[in-house]
């Protein structure tokens, strides 16, 4: 995979990336590609936001409840198979299997709503 074009720090700084905890997860049965509907608590000031994420190769809905995730919370909401997705959950797309996504998450406890910087 070729690198993307050079950008500026300001482009990165415009993204509001926060740590959250998955409090509910269900299959997104209406999605064209297998996906999971997530309800993520981003703590005081942000609250609970929803996301539809293509994580089904590695994760079941049940395994995600209680999991810490990182998400971009300031993208405009999108409708995915009738579900309002308000957060882009971040993960690594594996190069050997492009349908496999490994969640990015903190390796130590931190408060919901903590920013990435």
Protein backbone atom coordinates (compact mmCIF):
# COMPACT_ATOMS: atom_id res chain seq x y z
CA UNK A 1 0.00 0.00 0.00
CA UNK A 2 1.36 3.39 -1.00
CA UNK A 3 1.55 6.19 1.60
CA UNK A 4 -1.07 8.90 1.44
CA UNK A 5 -0.04 12.47 0.49
CA UNK A 6 1.69 14.61 3.10
CA UNK A 7 -0.63 16.70 5.25
CA UNK A 8 -0.32 19.13 8.16
CA UNK A 9 -0.64 18.75 11.91
CA UNK A 10 -3.67 21.05 11.74
CA UNK A 11 -5.51 18.40 9.72
CA UNK A 12 -4.90 15.85 12.49
CA UNK A 13 -5.70 18.38 15.24
CA UNK A 14 -9.13 19.01 13.68
CA UNK A 15 -10.15 15.42 14.51
CA UNK A 16 -11.71 14.92 17.94
CA UNK A 17 -10.53 11.39 18.82
CA UNK A 18 -11.61 10.11 22.23
CA UNK A 19 -11.53 6.95 24.32
CA UNK A 20 -14.90 5.35 24.99
CA UNK A 21 -16.35 2.14 26.41
CA UNK A 22 -18.77 -0.07 24.46
CA UNK A 23 -21.92 -0.43 26.60
CA UNK A 24 -24.10 -2.27 24.06
CA UNK A 25 -23.49 -4.15 20.81
CA UNK A 26 -25.82 -5.87 18.32
CA UNK A 27 -25.48 -7.23 14.78
CA UNK A 28 -26.36 -4.69 12.08
CA UNK A 29 -28.56 -7.10 10.16
CA UNK A 30 -29.48 -4.57 7.47
CA UNK A 31 -25.93 -3.66 6.43
CA UNK A 32 -24.61 -4.72 3.00
CA UNK A 33 -21.36 -5.88 4.60
CA UNK A 34 -21.39 -7.64 8.00
CA UNK A 35 -21.27 -5.02 10.75
CA UNK A 36 -21.98 -4.49 14.43
CA UNK A 37 -24.04 -1.63 15.90
CA UNK A 38 -22.20 -0.18 18.89
CA UNK A 39 -23.33 2.16 21.65
CA UNK A 40 -20.22 3.78 23.12
CA UNK A 41 -20.01 5.86 26.30
CA UNK A 42 -17.58 8.75 25.81
CA UNK A 43 -18.13 10.13 29.31
CA UNK A 44 -19.34 13.43 30.67
CA UNK A 45 -19.75 16.17 28.11
CA UNK A 46 -20.07 13.79 25.14
CA UNK A 47 -22.28 10.98 26.41
CA UNK A 48 -23.31 7.86 24.51
CA UNK A 49 -22.80 7.80 20.75
CA UNK A 50 -23.62 5.12 18.16
CA UNK A 51 -21.47 3.52 15.49
CA UNK A 52 -21.86 0.81 12.87
CA UNK A 53 -18.49 -0.92 12.52
CA UNK A 54 -17.28 -3.73 10.27
CA UNK A 55 -15.64 -5.79 13.01
CA UNK A 56 -17.33 -9.17 12.55
CA UNK A 57 -14.31 -11.19 11.40
CA UNK A 58 -12.57 -10.79 14.74
CA UNK A 59 -15.24 -9.75 17.26
CA UNK A 60 -18.73 -10.85 18.27
CA UNK A 61 -21.19 -8.29 19.66
CA UNK A 62 -20.99 -9.98 23.08
CA UNK A 63 -17.18 -9.77 23.16
CA UNK A 64 -17.24 -6.01 22.56
CA UNK A 65 -19.38 -4.99 25.55
CA UNK A 66 -17.07 -3.44 28.15
CA UNK A 67 -14.27 -2.95 25.62
CA UNK A 68 -12.35 0.33 25.36
CA UNK A 69 -12.24 1.84 21.87
CA UNK A 70 -10.95 4.98 20.18
CA UNK A 71 -13.33 6.91 17.97
CA UNK A 72 -13.56 10.10 15.93
CA UNK A 73 -16.54 11.88 17.48
CA UNK A 74 -16.73 15.01 15.31
CA UNK A 75 -17.58 13.53 11.89
CA UNK A 76 -21.09 14.25 10.65
CA UNK A 77 -23.51 11.38 11.38
CA UNK A 78 -24.24 8.88 8.58
CA UNK A 79 -27.10 6.43 8.08
CA UNK A 80 -25.89 2.88 7.56
CA UNK A 81 -28.69 0.43 6.80
CA UNK A 82 -31.13 2.64 8.71
CA UNK A 83 -28.80 2.97 11.72
CA UNK A 84 -27.48 6.42 12.72
CA UNK A 85 -23.69 6.11 12.95
CA UNK A 86 -22.20 9.07 14.85
CA UNK A 87 -18.64 7.84 15.50
CA UNK A 88 -15.86 6.37 13.39
CA UNK A 89 -14.34 3.60 15.52
CA UNK A 90 -10.62 3.28 14.78
CA UNK A 91 -8.88 0.04 13.91
CA UNK A 92 -6.02 -1.42 11.93
CA UNK A 93 -7.06 -3.01 8.64
CA UNK A 94 -4.76 -5.99 8.24
CA UNK A 95 -2.75 -6.14 5.01
CA UNK A 96 -3.05 -9.92 4.67
CA UNK A 97 -6.86 -9.88 5.05
CA UNK A 98 -8.42 -6.47 4.22
CA UNK A 99 -11.75 -7.52 5.78
CA UNK A 100 -10.10 -8.08 9.16
CA UNK A 101 -9.99 -5.08 11.51
CA UNK A 102 -8.09 -4.97 14.81
CA UNK A 103 -9.43 -2.33 17.21
CA UNK A 104 -7.12 0.44 18.39
CA UNK A 105 -7.41 0.87 22.14
CA UNK A 106 -5.40 2.17 25.08
CA UNK A 107 -3.10 -0.33 26.78
CA UNK A 108 -3.81 1.09 30.25
CA UNK A 109 -7.00 2.27 31.97
CA UNK A 110 -8.10 5.86 31.30
CA UNK A 111 -11.34 7.79 31.66
CA UNK A 112 -14.04 7.73 29.00
CA UNK A 113 -13.79 10.92 26.98
CA UNK A 114 -10.00 11.13 27.27
CA UNK A 115 -8.65 12.73 24.07
CA UNK A 116 -6.00 11.32 21.75
CA UNK A 117 -3.28 13.83 21.04
